[in-house]
Amino acid sequence: MLIPSLPSCAAIPPTPADAFLRQSEAVIEHDAEPALARVRGPTQITFGRDDLVTSTRFSGTMKNGFGGE
Protein backbone atom coordinates (compact mmCIF):
# COMPACT_ATOMS: atom_id res chain seq x y z
CA MET A 1 0.00 0.00 0.00
CA LEU A 2 1.37 3.38 -0.96
CA ILE A 3 1.16 6.28 1.45
CA PRO A 4 -0.27 9.35 -0.27
CA SER A 5 2.01 12.35 -0.24
CA LEU A 6 1.14 15.18 2.07
CA PRO A 7 0.42 18.62 0.67
CA SER A 8 3.36 20.96 0.52
CA CYS A 9 3.75 23.21 3.55
CA ALA A 10 4.28 26.05 1.12
CA ALA A 11 0.59 25.77 0.20
CA ILE A 12 -0.47 26.38 3.80
CA PRO A 13 -0.39 30.04 4.82
CA PRO A 14 1.55 30.74 8.02
CA THR A 15 -0.45 31.22 11.21
CA PRO A 16 -0.38 34.83 12.40
CA ALA A 17 1.48 35.23 15.71
CA ASP A 18 -1.58 36.55 17.58
CA ALA A 19 -3.66 33.54 16.47
CA PHE A 20 -0.90 31.15 17.52
CA LEU A 21 -0.71 32.80 20.95
CA ARG A 22 -4.50 32.60 21.43
CA GLN A 23 -4.50 28.92 20.41
CA SER A 24 -1.60 28.16 22.74
CA GLU A 25 -3.31 29.92 25.62
CA ALA A 26 -6.53 27.96 25.01
CA VAL A 27 -4.60 24.67 25.08
CA ILE A 28 -2.82 25.61 28.31
CA GLU A 29 -6.04 26.75 30.02
CA HIS A 30 -8.14 23.75 28.93
CA ASP A 31 -8.75 21.30 31.76
CA ALA A 32 -9.91 17.87 30.58
CA GLU A 33 -9.68 16.25 34.02
CA PRO A 34 -13.46 16.32 34.67
CA ALA A 35 -14.03 14.40 31.43
CA LEU A 36 -11.73 11.52 32.43
CA ALA A 37 -14.43 9.82 34.50
CA ARG A 38 -16.61 9.53 31.38
CA VAL A 39 -13.96 7.51 29.51
CA ARG A 40 -14.98 3.84 29.38
CA GLY A 41 -13.01 0.85 28.24
CA PRO A 42 -9.31 0.13 27.87
CA THR A 43 -7.21 3.25 27.59
CA GLN A 44 -3.51 3.64 26.89
CA ILE A 45 -1.80 6.53 28.63
CA THR A 46 1.50 7.76 27.25
CA PHE A 47 3.69 10.22 29.11
CA GLY A 48 7.37 10.74 29.78
CA ARG A 49 9.82 12.53 32.02
CA ASP A 50 11.00 14.78 29.16
CA ASP A 51 7.61 15.06 27.43
CA LEU A 52 6.63 18.74 27.19
CA VAL A 53 2.95 17.97 26.59
CA THR A 54 2.16 15.07 28.93
CA SER A 55 4.85 14.93 31.58
CA THR A 56 4.95 12.45 34.45
CA ARG A 57 3.45 15.05 36.78
CA PHE A 58 0.06 14.26 35.16
CA SER A 59 0.44 10.46 35.29
CA GLY A 60 -1.36 9.90 38.61
CA THR A 61 -4.25 12.19 37.72
CA MET A 62 -4.66 10.50 34.38
CA LYS A 63 -4.23 6.95 35.67
CA ASN A 64 -6.69 7.42 38.56
CA GLY A 65 -9.16 9.66 36.75
CA PHE A 66 -10.52 7.22 34.18
CA GLY A 67 -13.94 5.74 34.84
CA GLY A 68 -13.02 2.22 33.79
CA GLU A 69 -15.19 -0.35 32.11
C-alpha atoms as a PDB file:
ATOM      1  CA  MET A   1       0.000   0.000   0.000  1.00  0.00           C
ATOM      2  CA  LEU A   2       1.368   3.380  -0.957  1.00  0.00           C
ATOM      3  CA  ILE A   3       1.160   6.280   1.455  1.00  0.00           C
ATOM      4  CA  PRO A   4      -0.268   9.350  -0.273  1.00  0.00           C
ATOM      5  CA  SER A   5       2.015  12.350  -0.240  1.00  0.00           C
ATOM      6  CA  LEU A   6       1.144  15.178   2.069  1.00  0.00           C
ATOM      7  CA  PRO A   7       0.424  18.617   0.667  1.00  0.00           C
ATOM      8  CA  SER A   8       3.362  20.957   0.515  1.00  0.00           C
ATOM      9  CA  CYS A   9       3.749  23.207   3.546  1.00  0.00           C
ATOM     10  CA  ALA A  10       4.277  26.055   1.115  1.00  0.00           C
ATOM     11  CA  ALA A  11       0.587  25.771   0.199  1.00  0.00           C
ATOM     12  CA  ILE A  12      -0.470  26.383   3.796  1.00  0.00           C
ATOM     13  CA  PRO A  13      -0.392  30.036   4.820  1.00  0.00           C
ATOM     14  CA  PRO A  14       1.552  30.741   8.019  1.00  0.00           C
ATOM     15  CA  THR A  15      -0.449  31.220  11.214  1.00  0.00           C
ATOM     16  CA  PRO A  16      -0.384  34.831  12.405  1.00  0.00           C
ATOM     17  CA  ALA A  17       1.479  35.227  15.713  1.00  0.00           C
ATOM     18  CA  ASP A  18      -1.581  36.550  17.584  1.00  0.00           C
ATOM     19  CA  ALA A  19      -3.664  33.545  16.469  1.00  0.00           C
ATOM     20  CA  PHE A  20      -0.904  31.150  17.516  1.00  0.00           C
ATOM     21  CA  LEU A  21      -0.708  32.799  20.949  1.00  0.00           C
ATOM     22  CA  ARG A  22      -4.499  32.599  21.428  1.00  0.00           C
ATOM     23  CA  GLN A  23      -4.504  28.921  20.411  1.00  0.00           C
ATOM     24  CA  SER A  24      -1.601  28.157  22.739  1.00  0.00           C
ATOM     25  CA  GLU A  25      -3.310  29.918  25.622  1.00  0.00           C
ATOM     26  CA  ALA A  26      -6.528  27.960  25.014  1.00  0.00           C
ATOM     27  CA  VAL A  27      -4.604  24.672  25.082  1.00  0.00           C
ATOM     28  CA  ILE A  28      -2.825  25.614  28.307  1.00  0.00           C
ATOM     29  CA  GLU A  29      -6.040  26.755  30.024  1.00  0.00           C
ATOM     30  CA  HIS A  30      -8.143  23.753  28.928  1.00  0.00           C
ATOM     31  CA  ASP A  31      -8.750  21.298  31.764  1.00  0.00           C
ATOM     32  CA  ALA A  32      -9.911  17.869  30.576  1.00  0.00           C
ATOM     33  CA  GLU A  33      -9.681  16.249  34.018  1.00  0.00           C
ATOM     34  CA  PRO A  34     -13.460  16.324  34.675  1.00  0.00           C
ATOM     35  CA  ALA A  35     -14.031  14.400  31.430  1.00  0.00           C
ATOM     36  CA  LEU A  36     -11.729  11.520  32.429  1.00  0.00           C
ATOM     37  CA  ALA A  37     -14.434   9.815  34.497  1.00  0.00           C
ATOM     38  CA  ARG A  38     -16.613   9.526  31.377  1.00  0.00           C
ATOM     39  CA  VAL A  39     -13.957   7.511  29.510  1.00  0.00           C
ATOM     40  CA  ARG A  40     -14.977   3.839  29.384  1.00  0.00           C
ATOM     41  CA  GLY A  41     -13.011   0.846  28.238  1.00  0.00           C
ATOM     42  CA  PRO A  42      -9.312   0.127  27.874  1.00  0.00           C
ATOM     43  CA  THR A  43      -7.205   3.250  27.592  1.00  0.00           C
ATOM     44  CA  GLN A  44      -3.507   3.641  26.886  1.00  0.00           C
ATOM     45  CA  ILE A  45      -1.803   6.534  28.634  1.00  0.00           C
ATOM     46  CA  THR A  46       1.503   7.756  27.252  1.00  0.00           C
ATOM     47  CA  PHE A  47       3.695  10.220  29.109  1.00  0.00           C
ATOM     48  CA  GLY A  48       7.367  10.740  29.784  1.00  0.00           C
ATOM     49  CA  ARG A  49       9.819  12.531  32.018  1.00  0.00           C
ATOM     50  CA  ASP A  50      10.995  14.778  29.165  1.00  0.00           C
ATOM     51  CA  ASP A  51       7.606  15.059  27.426  1.00  0.00           C
ATOM     52  CA  LEU A  52       6.634  18.738  27.192  1.00  0.00           C
ATOM     53  CA  VAL A  53       2.955  17.968  26.588  1.00  0.00           C
ATOM     54  CA  THR A  54       2.162  15.074  28.931  1.00  0.00           C
ATOM     55  CA  SER A  55       4.849  14.934  31.582  1.00  0.00           C
ATOM     56  CA  THR A  56       4.946  12.447  34.446  1.00  0.00           C
ATOM     57  CA  ARG A  57       3.448  15.053  36.778  1.00  0.00           C
ATOM     58  CA  PHE A  58       0.062  14.257  35.159  1.00  0.00           C
ATOM     59  CA  SER A  59       0.439  10.464  35.293  1.00  0.00           C
ATOM     60  CA  GLY A  60      -1.359   9.905  38.615  1.00  0.00           C
ATOM     61  CA  THR A  61      -4.248  12.194  37.718  1.00  0.00           C
ATOM     62  CA  MET A  62      -4.660  10.496  34.377  1.00  0.00           C
ATOM     63  CA  LYS A  63      -4.231   6.952  35.672  1.00  0.00           C
ATOM     64  CA  ASN A  64      -6.690   7.417  38.557  1.00  0.00           C
ATOM     65  CA  GLY A  65      -9.155   9.660  36.750  1.00  0.00           C
ATOM     66  CA  PHE A  66     -10.522   7.215  34.175  1.00  0.00           C
ATOM     67  CA  GLY A  67     -13.938   5.739  34.835  1.00  0.00           C
ATOM     68  CA  GLY A  68     -13.021   2.219  33.788  1.00  0.00           C
ATOM     69  CA  GLU A  69     -15.189  -0.348  32.109  1.00  0.00           C
END
